[in-house]
Amino acid sequence: MKYRIESGVGFTDDPKLLELLGDKKIESKIKRLLYDYVNPKRNLSDCVNEINGLTEIRQIASLSKSNEWDSYRSIYDLAYNVYQHYEAVYNLTFATGIRMNYFIYQGGTDDDSRDFCVAHSNKVWSIEEAEQWKEWTPYYEIKNNQFPEGYEIKQKDIYAVPGYLSYEGYNPLVDRGGYNCRHQLSFITENLALKLREKQFI
């Protein structure tokens, strides 16, 4: 987890937040607060409030009122992503430590869900299968009828790996559907996995 924070804090595309993170002193403060909160898994809202209360954040937020920069929302998204990574790394480490190789991709879907998450939600996968997600395209799932009936694919180029999976350092078993993905990998025994697959669960 410490590596995930130190190597990139999170994956944000917010221009104002990226501007802040470009300043090494501010980046260091944010990293330290994130690590202090996420390592013992302290309250997410408290973490966001403390980061949002940094003088540098308040100054930029006050100067950006005319631009309507929502610093709380931006910091929340960043912290949430780091918390999710911590949880994912912990679960993966525990599961592989006791030789669990299968999981259910859980979290449900809604109208805003990414194509990748819609195709994988509530289905059983193995670690080996997940390692191939770096090369995932909607076309593969269309060919194998993995999308729900009537689902309209959001991505225009169905043969391309989506940007939310193709960034540098993407780790399928940790990042799942990319930045801010709310899904989780719920590890299960091989016996249960095989039974669910037999029932056409995937």
N, C-alpha and C. Protein backbone atom coordinates (compact mmCIF):
# COMPACT_ATOMS: atom_id res chain seq x y z
N MET A 1 0.83 -1.20 0.00
CA MET A 1 0.00 0.00 0.00
C MET A 1 0.86 1.25 0.00
N LYS A 2 1.89 1.23 0.83
CA LYS A 2 2.76 2.39 0.87
C LYS A 2 3.33 2.69 -0.51
N TYR A 3 3.68 1.61 -1.27
CA TYR A 3 4.21 1.79 -2.61
C TYR A 3 3.18 2.48 -3.50
N ARG A 4 1.90 2.05 -3.41
CA ARG A 4 0.87 2.62 -4.25
C ARG A 4 0.75 4.13 -4.02
N ILE A 5 0.85 4.55 -2.76
CA ILE A 5 0.74 5.97 -2.45
C ILE A 5 1.99 6.71 -2.91
N GLU A 6 3.16 6.14 -2.58
CA GLU A 6 4.40 6.84 -2.91
C GLU A 6 4.65 6.93 -4.40
N SER A 7 4.17 5.95 -5.14
CA SER A 7 4.46 5.94 -6.57
C SER A 7 3.48 6.77 -7.38
N GLY A 8 2.37 7.19 -6.79
CA GLY A 8 1.47 7.98 -7.61
C GLY A 8 0.31 8.60 -6.88
N VAL A 9 0.18 8.42 -5.60
CA VAL A 9 -0.91 8.95 -4.79
C VAL A 9 -2.25 8.35 -5.18
N GLY A 10 -2.53 8.29 -6.41
CA GLY A 10 -3.80 7.78 -6.91
C GLY A 10 -3.81 8.09 -8.39
N PHE A 11 -4.92 7.90 -9.04
CA PHE A 11 -4.99 8.21 -10.46
C PHE A 11 -6.07 9.27 -10.64
N THR A 12 -5.64 10.51 -10.72
CA THR A 12 -6.60 11.59 -10.85
C THR A 12 -6.39 12.32 -12.17
N ASP A 13 -7.47 12.81 -12.75
CA ASP A 13 -7.33 13.63 -13.95
C ASP A 13 -7.85 15.04 -13.71
N ASP A 14 -8.06 15.39 -12.43
CA ASP A 14 -8.52 16.73 -12.08
C ASP A 14 -7.36 17.72 -12.28
N PRO A 15 -7.50 18.68 -13.19
CA PRO A 15 -6.40 19.61 -13.48
C PRO A 15 -5.91 20.39 -12.26
N LYS A 16 -6.83 20.84 -11.42
CA LYS A 16 -6.42 21.60 -10.23
C LYS A 16 -5.64 20.73 -9.26
N LEU A 17 -6.12 19.51 -9.08
CA LEU A 17 -5.43 18.61 -8.15
C LEU A 17 -4.07 18.21 -8.71
N LEU A 18 -3.99 17.99 -10.02
CA LEU A 18 -2.70 17.67 -10.64
C LEU A 18 -1.72 18.84 -10.49
N GLU A 19 -2.26 20.05 -10.55
CA GLU A 19 -1.43 21.23 -10.35
C GLU A 19 -0.85 21.22 -8.94
N LEU A 20 -1.67 20.89 -7.97
CA LEU A 20 -1.20 20.81 -6.59
C LEU A 20 -0.16 19.72 -6.42
N LEU A 21 -0.41 18.55 -7.01
CA LEU A 21 0.50 17.43 -6.86
C LEU A 21 1.82 17.66 -7.58
N GLY A 22 1.84 18.65 -8.48
CA GLY A 22 3.09 19.01 -9.14
C GLY A 22 4.07 19.69 -8.21
N ASP A 23 3.56 20.21 -7.10
CA ASP A 23 4.41 20.81 -6.07
C ASP A 23 4.82 19.70 -5.10
N LYS A 24 6.11 19.37 -5.06
CA LYS A 24 6.58 18.23 -4.27
C LYS A 24 6.26 18.36 -2.78
N LYS A 25 6.27 19.59 -2.26
CA LYS A 25 5.97 19.77 -0.83
C LYS A 25 4.51 19.44 -0.54
N ILE A 26 3.62 19.90 -1.42
CA ILE A 26 2.19 19.63 -1.23
C ILE A 26 1.93 18.14 -1.46
N GLU A 27 2.55 17.59 -2.50
CA GLU A 27 2.37 16.16 -2.78
C GLU A 27 2.80 15.33 -1.57
N SER A 28 3.92 15.71 -0.97
CA SER A 28 4.43 14.98 0.19
C SER A 28 3.45 15.04 1.37
N LYS A 29 2.85 16.21 1.60
CA LYS A 29 1.87 16.37 2.69
C LYS A 29 0.65 15.48 2.45
N ILE A 30 0.16 15.48 1.21
CA ILE A 30 -1.03 14.68 0.89
C ILE A 30 -0.72 13.19 1.02
N LYS A 31 0.44 12.77 0.53
CA LYS A 31 0.82 11.37 0.66
C LYS A 31 0.90 10.95 2.12
N ARG A 32 1.51 11.81 2.94
CA ARG A 32 1.68 11.49 4.35
C ARG A 32 0.32 11.33 5.02
N LEU A 33 -0.61 12.24 4.75
CA LEU A 33 -1.94 12.15 5.35
C LEU A 33 -2.68 10.91 4.87
N LEU A 34 -2.59 10.63 3.57
CA LEU A 34 -3.25 9.43 3.04
C LEU A 34 -2.71 8.18 3.71
N TYR A 35 -1.39 8.10 3.83
CA TYR A 35 -0.80 6.91 4.42
C TYR A 35 -1.16 6.80 5.91
N ASP A 36 -1.16 7.92 6.61
CA ASP A 36 -1.51 7.91 8.04
C ASP A 36 -2.94 7.43 8.26
N TYR A 37 -3.82 7.73 7.32
CA TYR A 37 -5.23 7.34 7.48
C TYR A 37 -5.51 5.94 6.94
N VAL A 38 -4.93 5.61 5.79
CA VAL A 38 -5.30 4.35 5.15
C VAL A 38 -4.63 3.15 5.80
N ASN A 39 -3.42 3.32 6.32
CA ASN A 39 -2.72 2.17 6.88
C ASN A 39 -3.45 1.55 8.07
N PRO A 40 -3.97 2.35 9.04
CA PRO A 40 -4.81 1.74 10.08
C PRO A 40 -6.28 1.73 9.69
N LYS A 41 -6.60 2.11 8.45
CA LYS A 41 -7.98 2.17 7.93
C LYS A 41 -8.86 3.07 8.80
N ARG A 42 -8.42 4.31 8.97
CA ARG A 42 -9.21 5.28 9.70
C ARG A 42 -10.30 5.86 8.80
N ASN A 43 -11.19 6.64 9.38
CA ASN A 43 -12.38 7.14 8.69
C ASN A 43 -12.04 7.93 7.43
N LEU A 44 -12.68 7.58 6.31
CA LEU A 44 -12.42 8.22 5.03
C LEU A 44 -12.78 9.70 5.06
N SER A 45 -13.94 10.04 5.61
CA SER A 45 -14.37 11.45 5.64
C SER A 45 -13.40 12.31 6.45
N ASP A 46 -12.89 11.77 7.55
CA ASP A 46 -11.92 12.52 8.35
C ASP A 46 -10.65 12.78 7.55
N CYS A 47 -10.24 11.76 6.80
CA CYS A 47 -9.04 11.90 5.95
C CYS A 47 -9.25 13.00 4.92
N VAL A 48 -10.41 12.98 4.26
CA VAL A 48 -10.71 13.98 3.23
C VAL A 48 -10.75 15.38 3.83
N ASN A 49 -11.39 15.50 4.99
CA ASN A 49 -11.48 16.82 5.64
C ASN A 49 -10.10 17.36 6.02
N GLU A 50 -9.22 16.48 6.49
CA GLU A 50 -7.89 16.95 6.90
C GLU A 50 -7.07 17.39 5.69
N ILE A 51 -7.14 16.62 4.60
CA ILE A 51 -6.42 17.01 3.38
C ILE A 51 -7.01 18.30 2.82
N ASN A 52 -8.33 18.37 2.79
CA ASN A 52 -9.01 19.55 2.25
C ASN A 52 -8.73 20.80 3.09
N GLY A 53 -8.33 20.59 4.35
CA GLY A 53 -8.03 21.71 5.24
C GLY A 53 -6.62 22.23 5.11
N LEU A 54 -5.79 21.57 4.31
CA LEU A 54 -4.43 22.07 4.11
C LEU A 54 -4.48 23.48 3.54
N THR A 55 -3.59 24.33 4.03
CA THR A 55 -3.56 25.73 3.60
C THR A 55 -3.50 25.86 2.08
N GLU A 56 -2.66 25.05 1.46
CA GLU A 56 -2.48 25.14 0.00
C GLU A 56 -3.77 24.80 -0.74
N ILE A 57 -4.51 23.82 -0.24
CA ILE A 57 -5.78 23.43 -0.87
C ILE A 57 -6.79 24.56 -0.70
N ARG A 58 -6.87 25.11 0.51
CA ARG A 58 -7.85 26.18 0.78
C ARG A 58 -7.57 27.40 -0.09
N GLN A 59 -6.27 27.71 -0.26
CA GLN A 59 -5.92 28.88 -1.07
C GLN A 59 -6.37 28.70 -2.53
N ILE A 60 -6.06 27.55 -3.10
CA ILE A 60 -6.44 27.31 -4.49
C ILE A 60 -7.96 27.24 -4.62
N ALA A 61 -8.61 26.63 -3.63
CA ALA A 61 -10.08 26.53 -3.66
C ALA A 61 -10.71 27.91 -3.63
N SER A 62 -10.17 28.80 -2.79
CA SER A 62 -10.74 30.15 -2.69
C SER A 62 -10.50 30.95 -3.97
N LEU A 63 -9.34 30.74 -4.58
CA LEU A 63 -9.04 31.43 -5.84
C LEU A 63 -9.85 30.87 -7.00
N SER A 64 -10.35 29.65 -6.82
CA SER A 64 -11.05 28.97 -7.93
C SER A 64 -12.56 29.03 -7.80
N LYS A 65 -13.06 29.84 -6.87
CA LYS A 65 -14.51 29.87 -6.67
C LYS A 65 -15.24 30.22 -7.97
N SER A 66 -14.64 31.13 -8.72
CA SER A 66 -15.30 31.50 -9.98
C SER A 66 -15.29 30.34 -10.98
N ASN A 67 -14.31 29.45 -10.82
CA ASN A 67 -14.23 28.29 -11.71
C ASN A 67 -15.00 27.09 -11.16
N GLU A 68 -15.55 27.27 -9.97
CA GLU A 68 -16.37 26.24 -9.32
C GLU A 68 -15.62 24.92 -9.15
N TRP A 69 -14.36 25.01 -8.67
CA TRP A 69 -13.62 23.78 -8.38
C TRP A 69 -14.10 23.20 -7.06
N ASP A 70 -14.58 21.98 -7.10
CA ASP A 70 -15.07 21.31 -5.90
C ASP A 70 -13.91 20.53 -5.29
N SER A 71 -13.16 21.19 -4.43
CA SER A 71 -11.97 20.56 -3.85
C SER A 71 -12.34 19.35 -3.00
N TYR A 72 -13.45 19.43 -2.29
CA TYR A 72 -13.85 18.30 -1.44
C TYR A 72 -14.10 17.06 -2.30
N ARG A 73 -14.86 17.24 -3.38
CA ARG A 73 -15.17 16.12 -4.26
C ARG A 73 -13.91 15.50 -4.87
N SER A 74 -13.00 16.38 -5.30
CA SER A 74 -11.77 15.93 -5.92
C SER A 74 -10.89 15.16 -4.93
N ILE A 75 -10.75 15.69 -3.72
CA ILE A 75 -9.96 15.03 -2.68
C ILE A 75 -10.64 13.73 -2.25
N TYR A 76 -11.97 13.75 -2.17
CA TYR A 76 -12.71 12.54 -1.79
C TYR A 76 -12.45 11.42 -2.81
N ASP A 77 -12.53 11.76 -4.10
CA ASP A 77 -12.29 10.76 -5.14
C ASP A 77 -10.88 10.17 -5.03
N LEU A 78 -9.91 11.04 -4.77
CA LEU A 78 -8.53 10.60 -4.63
C LEU A 78 -8.39 9.66 -3.43
N ALA A 79 -8.90 10.08 -2.27
CA ALA A 79 -8.78 9.28 -1.04
C ALA A 79 -9.55 7.96 -1.19
N TYR A 80 -10.73 8.02 -1.79
CA TYR A 80 -11.53 6.82 -1.98
C TYR A 80 -10.76 5.80 -2.81
N ASN A 81 -10.11 6.29 -3.86
CA ASN A 81 -9.33 5.41 -4.73
C ASN A 81 -8.20 4.74 -3.95
N VAL A 82 -7.52 5.51 -3.10
CA VAL A 82 -6.42 4.95 -2.31
C VAL A 82 -6.95 3.93 -1.31
N TYR A 83 -8.07 4.24 -0.67
CA TYR A 83 -8.69 3.30 0.26
C TYR A 83 -9.05 2.00 -0.45
N GLN A 84 -9.63 2.12 -1.65
CA GLN A 84 -10.02 0.93 -2.42
C GLN A 84 -8.79 0.08 -2.77
N HIS A 85 -7.69 0.76 -3.11
CA HIS A 85 -6.47 0.04 -3.42
C HIS A 85 -5.95 -0.72 -2.20
N TYR A 86 -6.00 -0.07 -1.07
CA TYR A 86 -5.54 -0.72 0.17
C TYR A 86 -6.34 -2.00 0.42
N GLU A 87 -7.66 -1.87 0.30
CA GLU A 87 -8.54 -3.02 0.51
C GLU A 87 -8.25 -4.14 -0.48
N ALA A 88 -8.05 -3.75 -1.74
CA ALA A 88 -7.80 -4.74 -2.79
C ALA A 88 -6.47 -5.46 -2.57
N VAL A 89 -5.44 -4.71 -2.22
CA VAL A 89 -4.13 -5.32 -1.97
C VAL A 89 -4.20 -6.26 -0.77
N TYR A 90 -4.88 -5.83 0.29
CA TYR A 90 -5.02 -6.67 1.48
C TYR A 90 -5.75 -7.98 1.14
N ASN A 91 -6.88 -7.87 0.45
CA ASN A 91 -7.67 -9.06 0.10
C ASN A 91 -6.89 -10.01 -0.80
N LEU A 92 -6.19 -9.44 -1.79
CA LEU A 92 -5.41 -10.26 -2.70
C LEU A 92 -4.28 -10.99 -1.97
N THR A 93 -3.58 -10.28 -1.09
CA THR A 93 -2.48 -10.88 -0.33
C THR A 93 -3.00 -12.01 0.55
N PHE A 94 -4.12 -11.77 1.20
CA PHE A 94 -4.71 -12.80 2.06
C PHE A 94 -5.13 -14.02 1.24
N ALA A 95 -5.82 -13.77 0.13
CA ALA A 95 -6.35 -14.86 -0.70
C ALA A 95 -5.23 -15.72 -1.29
N THR A 96 -4.21 -15.07 -1.83
CA THR A 96 -3.12 -15.84 -2.43
C THR A 96 -2.32 -16.58 -1.34
N GLY A 97 -2.30 -16.01 -0.14
CA GLY A 97 -1.59 -16.65 0.97
C GLY A 97 -2.22 -17.97 1.37
N ILE A 98 -3.54 -18.09 1.17
CA ILE A 98 -4.22 -19.36 1.49
C ILE A 98 -4.65 -20.09 0.21
N ARG A 99 -4.01 -19.72 -0.89
CA ARG A 99 -4.15 -20.41 -2.18
C ARG A 99 -5.57 -20.38 -2.73
N MET A 100 -6.24 -19.26 -2.59
CA MET A 100 -7.55 -19.09 -3.23
C MET A 100 -7.31 -18.46 -4.59
N ASN A 101 -7.82 -19.09 -5.62
CA ASN A 101 -7.53 -18.66 -6.99
C ASN A 101 -8.74 -18.08 -7.72
N TYR A 102 -9.93 -18.18 -7.12
CA TYR A 102 -11.15 -17.73 -7.79
C TYR A 102 -11.85 -16.64 -6.98
N PHE A 103 -12.57 -15.79 -7.70
CA PHE A 103 -13.30 -14.71 -7.03
C PHE A 103 -14.54 -14.34 -7.83
N ILE A 104 -15.47 -13.67 -7.15
CA ILE A 104 -16.64 -13.08 -7.81
C ILE A 104 -16.38 -11.59 -7.93
N TYR A 105 -16.59 -11.05 -9.11
CA TYR A 105 -16.43 -9.62 -9.35
C TYR A 105 -17.73 -8.96 -8.88
N GLN A 106 -17.72 -8.35 -7.70
CA GLN A 106 -18.95 -7.87 -7.08
C GLN A 106 -19.01 -6.35 -6.97
N GLY A 107 -20.24 -5.84 -6.93
CA GLY A 107 -20.45 -4.41 -6.75
C GLY A 107 -21.66 -3.88 -7.49
N GLY A 108 -22.25 -4.72 -8.33
CA GLY A 108 -23.45 -4.28 -9.05
C GLY A 108 -23.12 -3.28 -10.15
N THR A 109 -24.13 -2.94 -10.92
CA THR A 109 -23.95 -1.97 -12.01
C THR A 109 -25.13 -1.01 -12.06
N ASP A 110 -24.91 0.12 -12.72
CA ASP A 110 -25.99 1.08 -12.96
C ASP A 110 -25.75 1.70 -14.34
N ASP A 111 -26.48 2.74 -14.66
CA ASP A 111 -26.38 3.35 -15.99
C ASP A 111 -25.01 3.95 -16.27
N ASP A 112 -24.28 4.32 -15.21
CA ASP A 112 -22.97 4.94 -15.38
C ASP A 112 -21.83 3.93 -15.39
N SER A 113 -22.12 2.66 -15.17
CA SER A 113 -21.06 1.65 -15.08
C SER A 113 -20.30 1.53 -16.40
N ARG A 114 -19.01 1.29 -16.28
CA ARG A 114 -18.17 1.11 -17.47
C ARG A 114 -18.48 -0.23 -18.12
N ASP A 115 -18.23 -0.30 -19.42
CA ASP A 115 -18.48 -1.54 -20.17
C ASP A 115 -17.77 -2.72 -19.53
N PHE A 116 -16.54 -2.51 -19.12
CA PHE A 116 -15.75 -3.59 -18.51
C PHE A 116 -16.47 -4.14 -17.27
N CYS A 117 -16.95 -3.26 -16.41
CA CYS A 117 -17.59 -3.69 -15.17
C CYS A 117 -18.93 -4.38 -15.45
N VAL A 118 -19.65 -3.90 -16.43
CA VAL A 118 -20.93 -4.53 -16.80
C VAL A 118 -20.68 -5.96 -17.27
N ALA A 119 -19.63 -6.15 -18.07
CA ALA A 119 -19.33 -7.48 -18.61
C ALA A 119 -18.82 -8.46 -17.55
N HIS A 120 -18.24 -7.93 -16.47
CA HIS A 120 -17.62 -8.80 -15.46
C HIS A 120 -18.42 -8.94 -14.16
N SER A 121 -19.36 -8.05 -13.95
CA SER A 121 -20.08 -8.01 -12.67
C SER A 121 -20.82 -9.30 -12.35
N ASN A 122 -20.68 -9.72 -11.09
CA ASN A 122 -21.38 -10.90 -10.55
C ASN A 122 -21.05 -12.19 -11.27
N LYS A 123 -19.83 -12.27 -11.78
CA LYS A 123 -19.37 -13.49 -12.45
C LYS A 123 -18.10 -13.99 -11.77
N VAL A 124 -17.85 -15.28 -11.94
CA VAL A 124 -16.69 -15.92 -11.32
C VAL A 124 -15.50 -15.87 -12.29
N TRP A 125 -14.35 -15.48 -11.74
CA TRP A 125 -13.13 -15.40 -12.54
C TRP A 125 -11.98 -16.01 -11.75
N SER A 126 -10.94 -16.40 -12.45
CA SER A 126 -9.73 -16.87 -11.79
C SER A 126 -8.67 -15.77 -11.86
N ILE A 127 -7.67 -15.89 -11.03
CA ILE A 127 -6.56 -14.93 -11.05
C ILE A 127 -5.90 -14.92 -12.42
N GLU A 128 -5.72 -16.10 -13.01
CA GLU A 128 -5.09 -16.19 -14.33
C GLU A 128 -5.91 -15.45 -15.39
N GLU A 129 -7.23 -15.59 -15.32
CA GLU A 129 -8.10 -14.88 -16.28
C GLU A 129 -8.00 -13.38 -16.07
N ALA A 130 -7.97 -12.96 -14.83
CA ALA A 130 -7.91 -11.52 -14.53
C ALA A 130 -6.62 -10.89 -15.04
N GLU A 131 -5.55 -11.65 -15.03
CA GLU A 131 -4.28 -11.10 -15.50
C GLU A 131 -4.31 -10.74 -16.99
N GLN A 132 -5.29 -11.27 -17.71
CA GLN A 132 -5.45 -10.95 -19.14
C GLN A 132 -6.27 -9.68 -19.36
N TRP A 133 -6.83 -9.12 -18.30
CA TRP A 133 -7.71 -7.96 -18.46
C TRP A 133 -6.99 -6.74 -19.02
N LYS A 134 -5.68 -6.72 -18.96
CA LYS A 134 -4.93 -5.59 -19.52
C LYS A 134 -5.18 -5.48 -21.02
N GLU A 135 -5.58 -6.59 -21.63
CA GLU A 135 -5.81 -6.61 -23.08
C GLU A 135 -7.30 -6.67 -23.42
N TRP A 136 -8.15 -6.41 -22.43
CA TRP A 136 -9.60 -6.54 -22.63
C TRP A 136 -10.15 -5.50 -23.59
N THR A 137 -11.05 -5.95 -24.46
CA THR A 137 -11.79 -5.03 -25.34
C THR A 137 -13.26 -5.43 -25.32
N PRO A 138 -14.17 -4.50 -25.57
CA PRO A 138 -15.59 -4.86 -25.62
C PRO A 138 -15.90 -5.93 -26.66
N TYR A 139 -15.11 -5.95 -27.74
CA TYR A 139 -15.36 -6.92 -28.81
C TYR A 139 -15.33 -8.36 -28.30
N TYR A 140 -14.36 -8.65 -27.43
CA TYR A 140 -14.24 -10.01 -26.89
C TYR A 140 -15.52 -10.42 -26.17
N GLU A 141 -16.08 -9.50 -25.41
CA GLU A 141 -17.29 -9.82 -24.64
C GLU A 141 -18.53 -9.90 -25.55
N ILE A 142 -18.55 -9.10 -26.62
CA ILE A 142 -19.65 -9.19 -27.58
C ILE A 142 -19.64 -10.58 -28.22
N LYS A 143 -18.44 -11.00 -28.63
CA LYS A 143 -18.26 -12.28 -29.30
C LYS A 143 -18.70 -13.45 -28.40
N ASN A 144 -18.50 -13.29 -27.10
CA ASN A 144 -18.82 -14.36 -26.14
C ASN A 144 -20.11 -14.12 -25.36
N ASN A 145 -20.92 -13.16 -25.83
CA ASN A 145 -22.22 -12.88 -25.21
C ASN A 145 -22.15 -12.63 -23.71
N GLN A 146 -21.21 -11.81 -23.29
CA GLN A 146 -21.04 -11.54 -21.86
C GLN A 146 -21.80 -10.29 -21.39
N PHE A 147 -22.26 -9.47 -22.32
CA PHE A 147 -23.04 -8.30 -21.93
C PHE A 147 -24.50 -8.70 -21.74
N PRO A 148 -25.20 -8.05 -20.80
CA PRO A 148 -26.63 -8.35 -20.62
C PRO A 148 -27.42 -8.05 -21.89
N GLU A 149 -28.49 -8.76 -22.10
CA GLU A 149 -29.32 -8.55 -23.29
C GLU A 149 -29.83 -7.12 -23.32
N GLY A 150 -29.68 -6.47 -24.46
CA GLY A 150 -30.16 -5.11 -24.64
C GLY A 150 -29.18 -4.04 -24.17
N TYR A 151 -28.04 -4.43 -23.62
CA TYR A 151 -27.06 -3.44 -23.14
C TYR A 151 -26.43 -2.71 -24.31
N GLU A 152 -26.33 -1.37 -24.20
CA GLU A 152 -25.70 -0.56 -25.24
C GLU A 152 -24.28 -0.22 -24.82
N ILE A 153 -23.32 -0.67 -25.58
CA ILE A 153 -21.91 -0.45 -25.26
C ILE A 153 -21.57 1.03 -25.39
N LYS A 154 -20.86 1.54 -24.38
CA LYS A 154 -20.54 2.97 -24.34
C LYS A 154 -19.32 3.31 -25.20
N GLN A 155 -18.37 2.41 -25.27
CA GLN A 155 -17.13 2.69 -25.99
C GLN A 155 -17.37 2.67 -27.50
N LYS A 156 -16.84 3.67 -28.19
CA LYS A 156 -17.05 3.77 -29.63
C LYS A 156 -16.23 2.72 -30.40
N ASP A 157 -14.96 2.55 -30.03
CA ASP A 157 -14.11 1.57 -30.72
C ASP A 157 -14.11 0.28 -29.90
N ILE A 158 -14.89 -0.69 -30.33
CA ILE A 158 -15.03 -1.92 -29.55
C ILE A 158 -13.80 -2.82 -29.65
N TYR A 159 -12.86 -2.48 -30.52
CA TYR A 159 -11.64 -3.28 -30.67
C TYR A 159 -10.47 -2.72 -29.86
N ALA A 160 -10.68 -1.61 -29.20
CA ALA A 160 -9.60 -0.95 -28.45
C ALA A 160 -9.71 -1.23 -26.95
N VAL A 161 -8.57 -1.32 -26.29
CA VAL A 161 -8.54 -1.44 -24.83
C VAL A 161 -8.94 -0.07 -24.28
N PRO A 162 -9.95 0.00 -23.40
CA PRO A 162 -10.39 1.29 -22.87
C PRO A 162 -9.28 2.02 -22.11
N GLY A 163 -9.33 3.33 -22.14
CA GLY A 163 -8.33 4.13 -21.44
C GLY A 163 -8.29 3.87 -19.95
N TYR A 164 -9.43 3.48 -19.38
CA TYR A 164 -9.45 3.24 -17.93
C TYR A 164 -8.78 1.92 -17.55
N LEU A 165 -8.32 1.15 -18.56
CA LEU A 165 -7.56 -0.08 -18.29
C LEU A 165 -6.14 -0.02 -18.85
N SER A 166 -5.88 0.93 -19.72
CA SER A 166 -4.62 0.89 -20.47
C SER A 166 -3.57 1.88 -19.96
N TYR A 167 -3.76 2.44 -18.77
CA TYR A 167 -2.76 3.38 -18.27
C TYR A 167 -1.56 2.63 -17.67
N GLU A 168 -0.45 3.33 -17.59
CA GLU A 168 0.78 2.71 -17.08
C GLU A 168 0.59 2.27 -15.63
N GLY A 169 0.99 1.05 -15.35
CA GLY A 169 0.91 0.54 -13.99
C GLY A 169 -0.41 -0.13 -13.64
N TYR A 170 -1.33 -0.21 -14.60
CA TYR A 170 -2.62 -0.85 -14.32
C TYR A 170 -2.40 -2.29 -13.86
N ASN A 171 -3.00 -2.64 -12.74
CA ASN A 171 -2.93 -3.99 -12.18
C ASN A 171 -4.35 -4.51 -12.06
N PRO A 172 -4.77 -5.45 -12.90
CA PRO A 172 -6.16 -5.90 -12.92
C PRO A 172 -6.69 -6.35 -11.57
N LEU A 173 -5.86 -7.02 -10.78
CA LEU A 173 -6.31 -7.58 -9.51
C LEU A 173 -6.40 -6.53 -8.41
N VAL A 174 -5.86 -5.36 -8.66
CA VAL A 174 -5.93 -4.27 -7.69
C VAL A 174 -6.80 -3.14 -8.21
N ASP A 175 -6.61 -2.79 -9.48
CA ASP A 175 -7.31 -1.64 -10.06
C ASP A 175 -8.68 -1.98 -10.62
N ARG A 176 -8.93 -3.26 -10.88
CA ARG A 176 -10.22 -3.73 -11.39
C ARG A 176 -10.66 -2.91 -12.60
N GLY A 177 -11.74 -2.13 -12.50
CA GLY A 177 -12.24 -1.36 -13.64
C GLY A 177 -11.63 0.03 -13.74
N GLY A 178 -10.46 0.25 -13.15
CA GLY A 178 -9.77 1.53 -13.26
C GLY A 178 -10.09 2.50 -12.14
N TYR A 179 -9.68 3.75 -12.34
CA TYR A 179 -9.80 4.79 -11.32
C TYR A 179 -11.24 4.92 -10.83
N ASN A 180 -11.37 4.92 -9.51
CA ASN A 180 -12.68 5.06 -8.85
C ASN A 180 -13.62 3.87 -9.04
N CYS A 181 -13.09 2.74 -9.47
CA CYS A 181 -13.94 1.55 -9.60
C CYS A 181 -14.44 1.15 -8.21
N ARG A 182 -15.73 0.91 -8.09
CA ARG A 182 -16.30 0.58 -6.78
C ARG A 182 -16.45 -0.93 -6.57
N HIS A 183 -16.05 -1.72 -7.57
CA HIS A 183 -16.21 -3.16 -7.46
C HIS A 183 -15.12 -3.79 -6.60
N GLN A 184 -15.42 -4.99 -6.12
CA GLN A 184 -14.49 -5.72 -5.29
C GLN A 184 -14.36 -7.14 -5.80
N LEU A 185 -13.21 -7.74 -5.50
CA LEU A 185 -12.99 -9.15 -5.83
C LEU A 185 -13.23 -9.94 -4.55
N SER A 186 -14.31 -10.69 -4.53
CA SER A 186 -14.65 -11.51 -3.36
C SER A 186 -14.16 -12.93 -3.62
N PHE A 187 -13.07 -13.30 -2.97
CA PHE A 187 -12.45 -14.60 -3.22
C PHE A 187 -13.28 -15.74 -2.62
N ILE A 188 -13.34 -16.84 -3.38
CA ILE A 188 -14.12 -18.01 -2.98
C ILE A 188 -13.30 -19.27 -3.21
N THR A 189 -13.74 -20.37 -2.65
CA THR A 189 -13.02 -21.64 -2.82
C THR A 189 -13.18 -22.16 -4.24
N GLU A 190 -12.28 -23.03 -4.62
CA GLU A 190 -12.34 -23.63 -5.96
C GLU A 190 -13.61 -24.45 -6.14
N ASN A 191 -14.01 -25.20 -5.12
CA ASN A 191 -15.23 -26.01 -5.21
C ASN A 191 -16.45 -25.15 -5.50
N LEU A 192 -16.58 -24.04 -4.76
CA LEU A 192 -17.72 -23.15 -4.98
C LEU A 192 -17.64 -22.52 -6.37
N ALA A 193 -16.44 -22.12 -6.76
CA ALA A 193 -16.27 -21.49 -8.07
C ALA A 193 -16.71 -22.43 -9.19
N LEU A 194 -16.30 -23.68 -9.10
CA LEU A 194 -16.65 -24.64 -10.15
C LEU A 194 -18.15 -24.93 -10.17
N LYS A 195 -18.76 -24.96 -8.98
CA LYS A 195 -20.22 -25.17 -8.92
C LYS A 195 -20.96 -24.01 -9.56
N LEU A 196 -20.52 -22.80 -9.28
CA LEU A 196 -21.17 -21.62 -9.85
C LEU A 196 -20.99 -21.58 -11.37
N ARG A 197 -19.85 -21.98 -11.83
CA ARG A 197 -19.62 -22.01 -13.28
C ARG A 197 -20.49 -23.07 -13.95
N GLU A 198 -20.67 -24.18 -13.28
CA GLU A 198 -21.53 -25.25 -13.83
C GLU A 198 -22.97 -24.76 -14.00
N LYS A 199 -23.38 -23.84 -13.14
CA LYS A 199 -24.75 -23.32 -13.21
C LYS A 199 -24.85 -22.13 -14.18
N GLN A 200 -23.88 -22.03 -15.07
CA GLN A 200 -23.87 -20.95 -16.07
C GLN A 200 -23.79 -19.58 -15.42
N PHE A 201 -23.10 -19.52 -14.27
CA PHE A 201 -22.96 -18.22 -13.58
C PHE A 201 -22.13 -17.28 -14.42
N ILE A 202 -21.20 -17.84 -15.20
CA ILE A 202 -20.49 -16.99 -16.15
C ILE A 202 -20.58 -17.63 -17.53
